[in-house]
Amino acid sequence: MSRILVVDDDSMAVRMIGFILKKTGHECIAASSGAQGVELFKSEKPDLMLLDVEMPGENGFDVLESIRGENGISDANVCLMSGTITDELRERAEKLGAVGFISKPVSADELMKILSRTEI
């Protein structure tokens, strides 16, 4: 069983992703902001962070950039999520070392592909 941290300000999205993860044998930890997500990542050491791009305050790209600069978590497995995905956003995610970029609402199939790609 792997531990997945879901960082999203939309509580319904967190519940839906958590439901999918639990049904497939994974543990879900949730954070509602980027800052809370980074702190939970440091303390809980999850296998993967699912990070929403469109959040108030720090967006997902800002959070991922700060993670890449942090000792101890700079190599974290992070998958970005967004309701809008463009080639430009996908390129930016790749440059920051995201393991994936999936569309919201998140489907079980897409989520399982990310988990298998990251060997979790």
PDB file of N, CA and C in Angstrom:
ATOM      1  N   MET A   1       0.845  -1.186   0.000  1.00  0.00           N
ATOM      2  CA  MET A   1       0.000   0.000   0.000  1.00  0.00           C
ATOM      3  C   MET A   1       0.883   1.239   0.000  1.00  0.00           C
ATOM      4  N   SER A   2       0.564   2.161  -0.858  1.00  0.00           N
ATOM      5  CA  SER A   2       1.326   3.400  -0.898  1.00  0.00           C
ATOM      6  C   SER A   2       0.512   4.537  -0.297  1.00  0.00           C
ATOM      7  N   ARG A   3       1.246   5.572   0.073  1.00  0.00           N
ATOM      8  CA  ARG A   3       0.628   6.753   0.681  1.00  0.00           C
ATOM      9  C   ARG A   3       0.666   7.879  -0.330  1.00  0.00           C
ATOM     10  N   ILE A   4      -0.497   8.451  -0.603  1.00  0.00           N
ATOM     11  CA  ILE A   4      -0.618   9.505  -1.590  1.00  0.00           C
ATOM     12  C   ILE A   4      -1.131  10.763  -0.897  1.00  0.00           C
ATOM     13  N   LEU A   5      -0.438  11.868  -1.113  1.00  0.00           N
ATOM     14  CA  LEU A   5      -0.856  13.158  -0.578  1.00  0.00           C
ATOM     15  C   LEU A   5      -1.588  13.917  -1.680  1.00  0.00           C
ATOM     16  N   VAL A   6      -2.846  14.279  -1.417  1.00  0.00           N
ATOM     17  CA  VAL A   6      -3.650  15.036  -2.366  1.00  0.00           C
ATOM     18  C   VAL A   6      -3.725  16.476  -1.876  1.00  0.00           C
ATOM     19  N   VAL A   7      -3.251  17.401  -2.694  1.00  0.00           N
ATOM     20  CA  VAL A   7      -3.251  18.826  -2.330  1.00  0.00           C
ATOM     21  C   VAL A   7      -4.201  19.546  -3.277  1.00  0.00           C
ATOM     22  N   ASP A   8      -5.351  19.941  -2.739  1.00  0.00           N
ATOM     23  CA  ASP A   8      -6.373  20.589  -3.559  1.00  0.00           C
ATOM     24  C   ASP A   8      -7.294  21.384  -2.640  1.00  0.00           C
ATOM     25  N   ASP A   9      -7.638  22.599  -3.041  1.00  0.00           N
ATOM     26  CA  ASP A   9      -8.535  23.422  -2.233  1.00  0.00           C
ATOM     27  C   ASP A   9     -10.002  23.030  -2.425  1.00  0.00           C
ATOM     28  N   ASP A  10     -10.295  22.145  -3.365  1.00  0.00           N
ATOM     29  CA  ASP A  10     -11.652  21.669  -3.628  1.00  0.00           C
ATOM     30  C   ASP A  10     -11.896  20.385  -2.836  1.00  0.00           C
ATOM     31  N   SER A  11     -12.659  20.483  -1.766  1.00  0.00           N
ATOM     32  CA  SER A  11     -12.868  19.329  -0.884  1.00  0.00           C
ATOM     33  C   SER A  11     -13.571  18.176  -1.598  1.00  0.00           C
ATOM     34  N   MET A  12     -14.446  18.477  -2.551  1.00  0.00           N
ATOM     35  CA  MET A  12     -15.131  17.414  -3.297  1.00  0.00           C
ATOM     36  C   MET A  12     -14.125  16.633  -4.150  1.00  0.00           C
ATOM     37  N   ALA A  13     -13.193  17.335  -4.778  1.00  0.00           N
ATOM     38  CA  ALA A  13     -12.160  16.660  -5.575  1.00  0.00           C
ATOM     39  C   ALA A  13     -11.306  15.765  -4.684  1.00  0.00           C
ATOM     40  N   VAL A  14     -10.956  16.256  -3.495  1.00  0.00           N
ATOM     41  CA  VAL A  14     -10.155  15.468  -2.550  1.00  0.00           C
ATOM     42  C   VAL A  14     -10.920  14.199  -2.151  1.00  0.00           C
ATOM     43  N   ARG A  15     -12.203  14.344  -1.871  1.00  0.00           N
ATOM     44  CA  ARG A  15     -13.007  13.170  -1.484  1.00  0.00           C
ATOM     45  C   ARG A  15     -13.078  12.153  -2.608  1.00  0.00           C
ATOM     46  N   MET A  16     -13.283  12.619  -3.833  1.00  0.00           N
ATOM     47  CA  MET A  16     -13.374  11.698  -4.970  1.00  0.00           C
ATOM     48  C   MET A  16     -12.055  10.960  -5.211  1.00  0.00           C
ATOM     49  N   ILE A  17     -10.957  11.689  -5.177  1.00  0.00           N
ATOM     50  CA  ILE A  17      -9.646  11.061  -5.374  1.00  0.00           C
ATOM     51  C   ILE A  17      -9.355  10.107  -4.217  1.00  0.00           C
ATOM     52  N   GLY A  18      -9.672  10.530  -3.000  1.00  0.00           N
ATOM     53  CA  GLY A  18      -9.484   9.664  -1.830  1.00  0.00           C
ATOM     54  C   GLY A  18     -10.270   8.377  -1.953  1.00  0.00           C
ATOM     55  N   PHE A  19     -11.489   8.462  -2.451  1.00  0.00           N
ATOM     56  CA  PHE A  19     -12.326   7.276  -2.644  1.00  0.00           C
ATOM     57  C   PHE A  19     -11.661   6.313  -3.627  1.00  0.00           C
ATOM     58  N   ILE A  20     -11.179   6.842  -4.757  1.00  0.00           N
ATOM     59  CA  ILE A  20     -10.508   6.003  -5.758  1.00  0.00           C
ATOM     60  C   ILE A  20      -9.273   5.351  -5.156  1.00  0.00           C
ATOM     61  N   LEU A  21      -8.479   6.137  -4.441  1.00  0.00           N
ATOM     62  CA  LEU A  21      -7.245   5.593  -3.855  1.00  0.00           C
ATOM     63  C   LEU A  21      -7.543   4.492  -2.843  1.00  0.00           C
ATOM     64  N   LYS A  22      -8.500   4.728  -1.968  1.00  0.00           N
ATOM     65  CA  LYS A  22      -8.836   3.727  -0.949  1.00  0.00           C
ATOM     66  C   LYS A  22      -9.374   2.452  -1.580  1.00  0.00           C
ATOM     67  N   LYS A  23     -10.215   2.592  -2.631  1.00  0.00           N
ATOM     68  CA  LYS A  23     -10.764   1.416  -3.317  1.00  0.00           C
ATOM     69  C   LYS A  23      -9.674   0.579  -3.980  1.00  0.00           C
ATOM     70  N   THR A  24      -8.559   1.204  -4.310  1.00  0.00           N
ATOM     71  CA  THR A  24      -7.472   0.484  -4.978  1.00  0.00           C
ATOM     72  C   THR A  24      -6.337   0.141  -4.022  1.00  0.00           C
ATOM     73  N   GLY A  25      -6.595   0.278  -2.707  1.00  0.00           N
ATOM     74  CA  GLY A  25      -5.634  -0.169  -1.704  1.00  0.00           C
ATOM     75  C   GLY A  25      -4.564   0.828  -1.301  1.00  0.00           C
ATOM     76  N   HIS A  26      -4.779   2.093  -1.561  1.00  0.00           N
ATOM     77  CA  HIS A  26      -3.799   3.113  -1.200  1.00  0.00           C
ATOM     78  C   HIS A  26      -4.326   3.983  -0.065  1.00  0.00           C
ATOM     79  N   GLU A  27      -3.413   4.590   0.643  1.00  0.00           N
ATOM     80  CA  GLU A  27      -3.772   5.502   1.723  1.00  0.00           C
ATOM     81  C   GLU A  27      -3.752   6.934   1.186  1.00  0.00           C
ATOM     82  N   CYS A  28      -4.750   7.719   1.568  1.00  0.00           N
ATOM     83  CA  CYS A  28      -4.854   9.096   1.099  1.00  0.00           C
ATOM     84  C   CYS A  28      -4.677  10.055   2.272  1.00  0.00           C
ATOM     85  N   ILE A  29      -3.782  11.008   2.087  1.00  0.00           N
ATOM     86  CA  ILE A  29      -3.575  12.104   3.040  1.00  0.00           C
ATOM     87  C   ILE A  29      -3.981  13.358   2.273  1.00  0.00           C
ATOM     88  N   ALA A  30      -4.626  14.314   2.939  1.00  0.00           N
ATOM     89  CA  ALA A  30      -5.120  15.487   2.217  1.00  0.00           C
ATOM     90  C   ALA A  30      -4.631  16.796   2.822  1.00  0.00           C
ATOM     91  N   ALA A  31      -4.421  17.761   1.932  1.00  0.00           N
ATOM     92  CA  ALA A  31      -4.075  19.124   2.329  1.00  0.00           C
ATOM     93  C   ALA A  31      -4.882  20.066   1.443  1.00  0.00           C
ATOM     94  N   SER A  32      -5.276  21.210   2.005  1.00  0.00           N
ATOM     95  CA  SER A  32      -6.122  22.134   1.253  1.00  0.00           C
ATOM     96  C   SER A  32      -5.363  23.351   0.710  1.00  0.00           C
ATOM     97  N   SER A  33      -4.051  23.408   0.955  1.00  0.00           N
ATOM     98  CA  SER A  33      -3.241  24.504   0.418  1.00  0.00           C
ATOM     99  C   SER A  33      -1.845  23.987   0.112  1.00  0.00           C
ATOM    100  N   GLY A  34      -1.135  24.753  -0.707  1.00  0.00           N
ATOM    101  CA  GLY A  34       0.229  24.365  -1.054  1.00  0.00           C
ATOM    102  C   GLY A  34       1.148  24.319   0.150  1.00  0.00           C
ATOM    103  N   ALA A  35       1.052  25.330   1.021  1.00  0.00           N
ATOM    104  CA  ALA A  35       1.910  25.376   2.213  1.00  0.00           C
ATOM    105  C   ALA A  35       1.638  24.182   3.118  1.00  0.00           C
ATOM    106  N   GLN A  36       0.363  23.867   3.326  1.00  0.00           N
ATOM    107  CA  GLN A  36       0.013  22.708   4.154  1.00  0.00           C
ATOM    108  C   GLN A  36       0.516  21.421   3.494  1.00  0.00           C
ATOM    109  N   GLY A  37       0.431  21.360   2.169  1.00  0.00           N
ATOM    110  CA  GLY A  37       0.897  20.184   1.444  1.00  0.00           C
ATOM    111  C   GLY A  37       2.386  19.951   1.607  1.00  0.00           C
ATOM    112  N   VAL A  38       3.169  21.015   1.516  1.00  0.00           N
ATOM    113  CA  VAL A  38       4.620  20.891   1.678  1.00  0.00           C
ATOM    114  C   VAL A  38       4.947  20.417   3.094  1.00  0.00           C
ATOM    115  N   GLU A  39       4.291  20.986   4.090  1.00  0.00           N
ATOM    116  CA  GLU A  39       4.540  20.567   5.474  1.00  0.00           C
ATOM    117  C   GLU A  39       4.163  19.104   5.684  1.00  0.00           C
ATOM    118  N   LEU A  40       3.013  18.687   5.154  1.00  0.00           N
ATOM    119  CA  LEU A  40       2.612  17.277   5.276  1.00  0.00           C
ATOM    120  C   LEU A  40       3.569  16.368   4.521  1.00  0.00           C
ATOM    121  N   PHE A  41       4.065  16.827   3.369  1.00  0.00           N
ATOM    122  CA  PHE A  41       5.016  16.010   2.623  1.00  0.00           C
ATOM    123  C   PHE A  41       6.265  15.764   3.460  1.00  0.00           C
ATOM    124  N   LYS A  42       6.737  16.802   4.117  1.00  0.00           N
ATOM    125  CA  LYS A  42       7.937  16.667   4.956  1.00  0.00           C
ATOM    126  C   LYS A  42       7.701  15.730   6.134  1.00  0.00           C
ATOM    127  N   SER A  43       6.553  15.841   6.782  1.00  0.00           N
ATOM    128  CA  SER A  43       6.300  15.053   7.991  1.00  0.00           C
ATOM    129  C   SER A  43       5.803  13.639   7.704  1.00  0.00           C
ATOM    130  N   GLU A  44       5.008  13.465   6.647  1.00  0.00           N
ATOM    131  CA  GLU A  44       4.386  12.157   6.376  1.00  0.00           C
ATOM    132  C   GLU A  44       5.142  11.298   5.369  1.00  0.00           C
ATOM    133  N   LYS A  45       6.012  11.910   4.584  1.00  0.00           N
ATOM    134  CA  LYS A  45       6.824  11.208   3.576  1.00  0.00           C
ATOM    135  C   LYS A  45       5.982  10.297   2.663  1.00  0.00           C
ATOM    136  N   PRO A  46       4.981  10.854   1.974  1.00  0.00           N
ATOM    137  CA  PRO A  46       4.169  10.022   1.076  1.00  0.00           C
ATOM    138  C   PRO A  46       4.966   9.595  -0.155  1.00  0.00           C
ATOM    139  N   ASP A  47       4.435   8.609  -0.863  1.00  0.00           N
ATOM    140  CA  ASP A  47       5.079   8.104  -2.070  1.00  0.00           C
ATOM    141  C   ASP A  47       4.847   9.016  -3.272  1.00  0.00           C
ATOM    142  N   LEU A  48       3.750   9.769  -3.244  1.00  0.00           N
ATOM    143  CA  LEU A  48       3.376  10.619  -4.366  1.00  0.00           C
ATOM    144  C   LEU A  48       2.532  11.781  -3.856  1.00  0.00           C
ATOM    145  N   MET A  49       2.732  12.959  -4.479  1.00  0.00           N
ATOM    146  CA  MET A  49       1.869  14.107  -4.214  1.00  0.00           C
ATOM    147  C   MET A  49       1.072  14.395  -5.477  1.00  0.00           C
ATOM    148  N   LEU A  50      -0.261  14.434  -5.341  1.00  0.00           N
ATOM    149  CA  LEU A  50      -1.135  14.882  -6.411  1.00  0.00           C
ATOM    150  C   LEU A  50      -1.445  16.336  -6.104  1.00  0.00           C
ATOM    151  N   LEU A  51      -1.017  17.230  -6.959  1.00  0.00           N
ATOM    152  CA  LEU A  51      -1.017  18.661  -6.666  1.00  0.00           C
ATOM    153  C   LEU A  51      -1.850  19.442  -7.674  1.00  0.00           C
ATOM    154  N   ASP A  52      -2.890  20.105  -7.187  1.00  0.00           N
ATOM    155  CA  ASP A  52      -3.740  20.923  -8.046  1.00  0.00           C
ATOM    156  C   ASP A  52      -2.979  22.167  -8.481  1.00  0.00           C
ATOM    157  N   VAL A  53      -3.130  22.539  -9.734  1.00  0.00           N
ATOM    158  CA  VAL A  53      -2.459  23.726 -10.257  1.00  0.00           C
ATOM    159  C   VAL A  53      -3.197  24.990  -9.837  1.00  0.00           C
ATOM    160  N   GLU A  54      -4.516  24.966  -9.924  1.00  0.00           N
ATOM    161  CA  GLU A  54      -5.321  26.170  -9.734  1.00  0.00           C
ATOM    162  C   GLU A  54      -5.830  26.290  -8.301  1.00  0.00           C
ATOM    163  N   MET A  55      -4.991  26.841  -7.431  1.00  0.00           N
ATOM    164  CA  MET A  55      -5.356  27.073  -6.032  1.00  0.00           C
ATOM    165  C   MET A  55      -5.114  28.541  -5.711  1.00  0.00           C
ATOM    166  N   PRO A  56      -5.879  29.078  -4.761  1.00  0.00           N
ATOM    167  CA  PRO A  56      -5.626  30.462  -4.358  1.00  0.00           C
ATOM    168  C   PRO A  56      -4.276  30.581  -3.654  1.00  0.00           C
ATOM    169  N   GLY A  57      -3.684  31.750  -3.717  1.00  0.00           N
ATOM    170  CA  GLY A  57      -2.354  31.928  -3.117  1.00  0.00           C
ATOM    171  C   GLY A  57      -1.320  31.303  -4.020  1.00  0.00           C
ATOM    172  N   GLU A  58      -0.537  30.415  -3.465  1.00  0.00           N
ATOM    173  CA  GLU A  58       0.467  29.701  -4.263  1.00  0.00           C
ATOM    174  C   GLU A  58      -0.223  28.690  -5.165  1.00  0.00           C
ATOM    175  N   ASN A  59       0.023  28.773  -6.471  1.00  0.00           N
ATOM    176  CA  ASN A  59      -0.554  27.756  -7.351  1.00  0.00           C
ATOM    177  C   ASN A  59       0.346  26.515  -7.352  1.00  0.00           C
ATOM    178  N   GLY A  60      -0.095  25.476  -8.017  1.00  0.00           N
ATOM    179  CA  GLY A  60       0.653  24.225  -8.019  1.00  0.00           C
ATOM    180  C   GLY A  60       2.059  24.336  -8.569  1.00  0.00           C
ATOM    181  N   PHE A  61       2.258  25.191  -9.587  1.00  0.00           N
ATOM    182  CA  PHE A  61       3.599  25.370 -10.135  1.00  0.00           C
ATOM    183  C   PHE A  61       4.513  26.033  -9.108  1.00  0.00           C
ATOM    184  N   ASP A  62       3.988  27.020  -8.380  1.00  0.00           N
ATOM    185  CA  ASP A  62       4.778  27.678  -7.328  1.00  0.00           C
ATOM    186  C   ASP A  62       5.197  26.656  -6.268  1.00  0.00           C
ATOM    187  N   VAL A  63       4.256  25.810  -5.881  1.00  0.00           N
ATOM    188  CA  VAL A  63       4.531  24.792  -4.857  1.00  0.00           C
ATOM    189  C   VAL A  63       5.579  23.808  -5.358  1.00  0.00           C
ATOM    190  N   LEU A  64       5.429  23.353  -6.605  1.00  0.00           N
ATOM    191  CA  LEU A  64       6.393  22.400  -7.162  1.00  0.00           C
ATOM    192  C   LEU A  64       7.782  23.021  -7.259  1.00  0.00           C
ATOM    193  N   GLU A  65       7.869  24.283  -7.653  1.00  0.00           N
ATOM    194  CA  GLU A  65       9.168  24.964  -7.701  1.00  0.00           C
ATOM    195  C   GLU A  65       9.809  25.020  -6.321  1.00  0.00           C
ATOM    196  N   SER A  66       9.009  25.291  -5.281  1.00  0.00           N
ATOM    197  CA  SER A  66       9.578  25.357  -3.927  1.00  0.00           C
ATOM    198  C   SER A  66      10.010  23.973  -3.449  1.00  0.00           C
ATOM    199  N   ILE A  67       9.264  22.929  -3.823  1.00  0.00           N
ATOM    200  CA  ILE A  67       9.645  21.560  -3.451  1.00  0.00           C
ATOM    201  C   ILE A  67      10.984  21.203  -4.095  1.00  0.00           C
ATOM    202  N   ARG A  68      11.165  21.559  -5.354  1.00  0.00           N
ATOM    203  CA  ARG A  68      12.408  21.231  -6.061  1.00  0.00           C
ATOM    204  C   ARG A  68      13.612  21.915  -5.431  1.00  0.00           C
ATOM    205  N   GLY A  69      13.405  22.986  -4.680  1.00  0.00           N
ATOM    206  CA  GLY A  69      14.497  23.681  -4.014  1.00  0.00           C
ATOM    207  C   GLY A  69      14.711  23.276  -2.568  1.00  0.00           C
ATOM    208  N   GLU A  70      13.890  22.356  -2.054  1.00  0.00           N
ATOM    209  CA  GLU A  70      13.960  21.951  -0.640  1.00  0.00           C
ATOM    210  C   GLU A  70      14.851  20.727  -0.467  1.00  0.00           C
ATOM    211  N   ASN A  71      15.798  20.802   0.461  1.00  0.00           N
ATOM    212  CA  ASN A  71      16.604  19.628   0.794  1.00  0.00           C
ATOM    213  C   ASN A  71      15.703  18.550   1.379  1.00  0.00           C
ATOM    214  N   GLY A  72      15.946  17.321   0.991  1.00  0.00           N
ATOM    215  CA  GLY A  72      15.202  16.196   1.540  1.00  0.00           C
ATOM    216  C   GLY A  72      13.939  15.843   0.782  1.00  0.00           C
ATOM    217  N   ILE A  73      13.354  16.788   0.046  1.00  0.00           N
ATOM    218  CA  ILE A  73      12.148  16.483  -0.722  1.00  0.00           C
ATOM    219  C   ILE A  73      12.260  16.926  -2.179  1.00  0.00           C
ATOM    220  N   SER A  74      13.417  17.389  -2.591  1.00  0.00           N
ATOM    221  CA  SER A  74      13.572  17.923  -3.950  1.00  0.00           C
ATOM    222  C   SER A  74      13.328  16.872  -5.039  1.00  0.00           C
ATOM    223  N   ASP A  75      13.465  15.588  -4.703  1.00  0.00           N
ATOM    224  CA  ASP A  75      13.250  14.538  -5.699  1.00  0.00           C
ATOM    225  C   ASP A  75      11.877  13.879  -5.556  1.00  0.00           C
ATOM    226  N   ALA A  76      10.949  14.542  -4.870  1.00  0.00           N
ATOM    227  CA  ALA A  76       9.619  14.004  -4.613  1.00  0.00           C
ATOM    228  C   ALA A  76       8.872  13.698  -5.911  1.00  0.00           C
ATOM    229  N   ASN A  77       8.079  12.619  -5.885  1.00  0.00           N
ATOM    230  CA  ASN A  77       7.184  12.291  -6.989  1.00  0.00           C
ATOM    231  C   ASN A  77       5.965  13.207  -6.895  1.00  0.00           C
ATOM    232  N   VAL A  78       5.814  14.102  -7.866  1.00  0.00           N
ATOM    233  CA  VAL A  78       4.699  15.039  -7.867  1.00  0.00           C
ATOM    234  C   VAL A  78       3.990  14.956  -9.213  1.00  0.00           C
ATOM    235  N   CYS A  79       2.680  14.785  -9.159  1.00  0.00           N
ATOM    236  CA  CYS A  79       1.841  14.792 -10.350  1.00  0.00           C
ATOM    237  C   CYS A  79       0.899  15.990 -10.241  1.00  0.00           C
ATOM    238  N   LEU A  80       0.913  16.840 -11.257  1.00  0.00           N
ATOM    239  CA  LEU A  80       0.033  17.997 -11.259  1.00  0.00           C
ATOM    240  C   LEU A  80      -1.345  17.624 -11.791  1.00  0.00           C
ATOM    241  N   MET A  81      -2.360  18.363 -11.339  1.00  0.00           N
ATOM    242  CA  MET A  81      -3.741  18.161 -11.780  1.00  0.00           C
ATOM    243  C   MET A  81      -4.328  19.518 -12.142  1.00  0.00           C
ATOM    244  N   SER A  82      -5.147  19.545 -13.192  1.00  0.00           N
ATOM    245  CA  SER A  82      -5.795  20.797 -13.576  1.00  0.00           C
ATOM    246  C   SER A  82      -7.021  20.516 -14.430  1.00  0.00           C
ATOM    247  N   GLY A  83      -7.984  21.404 -14.337  1.00  0.00           N
ATOM    248  CA  GLY A  83      -9.151  21.320 -15.203  1.00  0.00           C
ATOM    249  C   GLY A  83      -8.831  21.783 -16.612  1.00  0.00           C
ATOM    250  N   THR A  84      -7.742  22.505 -16.759  1.00  0.00           N
ATOM    251  CA  THR A  84      -7.306  23.013 -18.057  1.00  0.00           C
ATOM    252  C   THR A  84      -5.849  22.640 -18.271  1.00  0.00           C
ATOM    253  N   ILE A  85      -5.595  21.841 -19.301  1.00  0.00           N
ATOM    254  CA  ILE A  85      -4.218  21.446 -19.601  1.00  0.00           C
ATOM    255  C   ILE A  85      -3.894  21.883 -21.022  1.00  0.00           C
ATOM    256  N   THR A  86      -2.859  22.683 -21.141  1.00  0.00           N
ATOM    257  CA  THR A  86      -2.383  23.125 -22.457  1.00  0.00           C
ATOM    258  C   THR A  86      -0.983  22.553 -22.676  1.00  0.00           C
ATOM    259  N   ASP A  87      -0.514  22.619 -23.907  1.00  0.00           N
ATOM    260  CA  ASP A  87       0.842  22.157 -24.205  1.00  0.00           C
ATOM    261  C   ASP A  87       1.863  22.966 -23.403  1.00  0.00           C
ATOM    262  N   GLU A  88       1.614  24.261 -23.271  1.00  0.00           N
ATOM    263  CA  GLU A  88       2.521  25.127 -22.520  1.00  0.00           C
ATOM    264  C   GLU A  88       2.596  24.708 -21.042  1.00  0.00           C
ATOM    265  N   LEU A  89       1.445  24.415 -20.440  1.00  0.00           N
ATOM    266  CA  LEU A  89       1.432  23.975 -19.035  1.00  0.00           C
ATOM    267  C   LEU A  89       2.101  22.613 -18.891  1.00  0.00           C
ATOM    268  N   ARG A  90       1.821  21.720 -19.834  1.00  0.00           N
ATOM    269  CA  ARG A  90       2.434  20.379 -19.795  1.00  0.00           C
ATOM    270  C   ARG A  90       3.960  20.480 -19.890  1.00  0.00           C
ATOM    271  N   GLU A  91       4.454  21.363 -20.772  1.00  0.00           N
ATOM    272  CA  GLU A  91       5.898  21.590 -20.912  1.00  0.00           C
ATOM    273  C   GLU A  91       6.506  22.119 -19.618  1.00  0.00           C
ATOM    274  N   ARG A  92       5.819  23.064 -19.009  1.00  0.00           N
ATOM    275  CA  ARG A  92       6.300  23.635 -17.742  1.00  0.00           C
ATOM    276  C   ARG A  92       6.376  22.560 -16.660  1.00  0.00           C
ATOM    277  N   ALA A  93       5.366  21.694 -16.614  1.00  0.00           N
ATOM    278  CA  ALA A  93       5.353  20.601 -15.636  1.00  0.00           C
ATOM    279  C   ALA A  93       6.534  19.658 -15.861  1.00  0.00           C
ATOM    280  N   GLU A  94       6.792  19.328 -17.111  1.00  0.00           N
ATOM    281  CA  GLU A  94       7.915  18.439 -17.438  1.00  0.00           C
ATOM    282  C   GLU A  94       9.240  19.062 -17.027  1.00  0.00           C
ATOM    283  N   LYS A  95       9.416  20.358 -17.288  1.00  0.00           N
ATOM    284  CA  LYS A  95      10.655  21.048 -16.927  1.00  0.00           C
ATOM    285  C   LYS A  95      10.884  21.038 -15.421  1.00  0.00           C
ATOM    286  N   LEU A  96       9.792  21.042 -14.664  1.00  0.00           N
ATOM    287  CA  LEU A  96       9.904  21.015 -13.202  1.00  0.00           C
ATOM    288  C   LEU A  96       9.993  19.587 -12.653  1.00  0.00           C
ATOM    289  N   GLY A  97       9.991  18.607 -13.547  1.00  0.00           N
ATOM    290  CA  GLY A  97      10.168  17.223 -13.125  1.00  0.00           C
ATOM    291  C   GLY A  97       8.922  16.545 -12.596  1.00  0.00           C
ATOM    292  N   ALA A  98       7.748  17.023 -12.992  1.00  0.00           N
ATOM    293  CA  ALA A  98       6.509  16.359 -12.579  1.00  0.00           C
ATOM    294  C   ALA A  98       6.461  14.974 -13.224  1.00  0.00           C
ATOM    295  N   VAL A  99       5.939  13.994 -12.488  1.00  0.00           N
ATOM    296  CA  VAL A  99       5.836  12.631 -13.016  1.00  0.00           C
ATOM    297  C   VAL A  99       4.612  12.478 -13.911  1.00  0.00           C
ATOM    298  N   GLY A 100       3.773  13.498 -13.937  1.00  0.00           N
ATOM    299  CA  GLY A 100       2.592  13.471 -14.781  1.00  0.00           C
ATOM    300  C   GLY A 100       1.802  14.750 -14.638  1.00  0.00           C
ATOM    301  N   PHE A 101       0.803  14.878 -15.498  1.00  0.00           N
ATOM    302  CA  PHE A 101      -0.090  16.036 -15.459  1.00  0.00           C
ATOM    303  C   PHE A 101      -1.447  15.502 -15.909  1.00  0.00           C
ATOM    304  N   ILE A 102      -2.365  15.367 -14.986  1.00  0.00           N
ATOM    305  CA  ILE A 102      -3.651  14.757 -15.305  1.00  0.00           C
ATOM    306  C   ILE A 102      -4.783  15.769 -15.211  1.00  0.00           C
ATOM    307  N   SER A 103      -5.836  15.486 -15.955  1.00  0.00           N
ATOM    308  CA  SER A 103      -6.966  16.412 -16.007  1.00  0.00           C
ATOM    309  C   SER A 103      -7.961  16.126 -14.881  1.00  0.00           C
ATOM    310  N   LYS A 104      -8.616  17.194 -14.467  1.00  0.00           N
ATOM    311  CA  LYS A 104      -9.673  17.101 -13.466  1.00  0.00           C
ATOM    312  C   LYS A 104     -11.006  17.277 -14.180  1.00  0.00           C
ATOM    313  N   PRO A 105     -12.040  16.579 -13.780  1.00  0.00           N
ATOM    314  CA  PRO A 105     -12.038  15.627 -12.680  1.00  0.00           C
ATOM    315  C   PRO A 105     -11.178  14.400 -13.003  1.00  0.00           C
ATOM    316  N   VAL A 106     -10.503  13.913 -11.987  1.00  0.00           N
ATOM    317  CA  VAL A 106      -9.561  12.805 -12.134  1.00  0.00           C
ATOM    318  C   VAL A 106     -10.320  11.490 -12.309  1.00  0.00           C
ATOM    319  N   SER A 107      -9.938  10.740 -13.324  1.00  0.00           N
ATOM    320  CA  SER A 107     -10.550   9.424 -13.532  1.00  0.00           C
ATOM    321  C   SER A 107      -9.685   8.360 -12.865  1.00  0.00           C
ATOM    322  N   ALA A 108     -10.322   7.269 -12.496  1.00  0.00           N
ATOM    323  CA  ALA A 108      -9.598   6.153 -11.872  1.00  0.00           C
ATOM    324  C   ALA A 108      -8.524   5.625 -12.817  1.00  0.00           C
ATOM    325  N   ASP A 109      -8.839   5.514 -14.098  1.00  0.00           N
ATOM    326  CA  ASP A 109      -7.872   4.993 -15.074  1.00  0.00           C
ATOM    327  C   ASP A 109      -6.630   5.871 -15.155  1.00  0.00           C
ATOM    328  N   GLU A 110      -6.843   7.172 -15.232  1.00  0.00           N
ATOM    329  CA  GLU A 110      -5.714   8.098 -15.336  1.00  0.00           C
ATOM    330  C   GLU A 110      -4.859   8.049 -14.070  1.00  0.00           C
ATOM    331  N   LEU A 111      -5.521   7.964 -12.942  1.00  0.00           N
ATOM    332  CA  LEU A 111      -4.815   7.897 -11.665  1.00  0.00           C
ATOM    333  C   LEU A 111      -3.996   6.607 -11.563  1.00  0.00           C
ATOM    334  N   MET A 112      -4.559   5.489 -11.990  1.00  0.00           N
ATOM    335  CA  MET A 112      -3.844   4.216 -11.940  1.00  0.00           C
ATOM    336  C   MET A 112      -2.638   4.219 -12.890  1.00  0.00           C
ATOM    337  N   LYS A 113      -2.759   4.906 -14.023  1.00  0.00           N
ATOM    338  CA  LYS A 113      -1.624   5.000 -14.959  1.00  0.00           C
ATOM    339  C   LYS A 113      -0.461   5.754 -14.299  1.00  0.00           C
ATOM    340  N   ILE A 114      -0.773   6.828 -13.582  1.00  0.00           N
ATOM    341  CA  ILE A 114       0.273   7.597 -12.884  1.00  0.00           C
ATOM    342  C   ILE A 114       0.917   6.731 -11.810  1.00  0.00           C
ATOM    343  N   LEU A 115       0.102   6.011 -11.049  1.00  0.00           N
ATOM    344  CA  LEU A 115       0.640   5.172  -9.975  1.00  0.00           C
ATOM    345  C   LEU A 115       1.524   4.070 -10.546  1.00  0.00           C
ATOM    346  N   SER A 116       1.122   3.469 -11.657  1.00  0.00           N
ATOM    347  CA  SER A 116       1.959   2.402 -12.230  1.00  0.00           C
ATOM    348  C   SER A 116       3.214   2.975 -12.868  1.00  0.00           C
ATOM    349  N   ARG A 117       3.108   4.166 -13.465  1.00  0.00           N
ATOM    350  CA  ARG A 117       4.279   4.795 -14.088  1.00  0.00           C
ATOM    351  C   ARG A 117       5.335   5.160 -13.044  1.00  0.00           C
ATOM    352  N   THR A 118       4.896   5.525 -11.856  1.00  0.00           N
ATOM    353  CA  THR A 118       5.835   5.903 -10.802  1.00  0.00           C
ATOM    354  C   THR A 118       6.203   4.704  -9.929  1.00  0.00           C
ATOM    355  N   GLU A 119       5.706   3.526 -10.329  1.00  0.00           N
ATOM    356  CA  GLU A 119       6.010   2.264  -9.624  1.00  0.00           C
ATOM    357  C   GLU A 119       5.658   2.314  -8.160  1.00  0.00           C
ATOM    358  N   ILE A 120       4.485   2.849  -7.873  1.00  0.00           N
ATOM    359  CA  ILE A 120       4.017   2.929  -6.486  1.00  0.00           C
ATOM    360  C   ILE A 120       3.109   1.762  -6.212  1.00  0.00           C
TER     361      ILE A 120
END
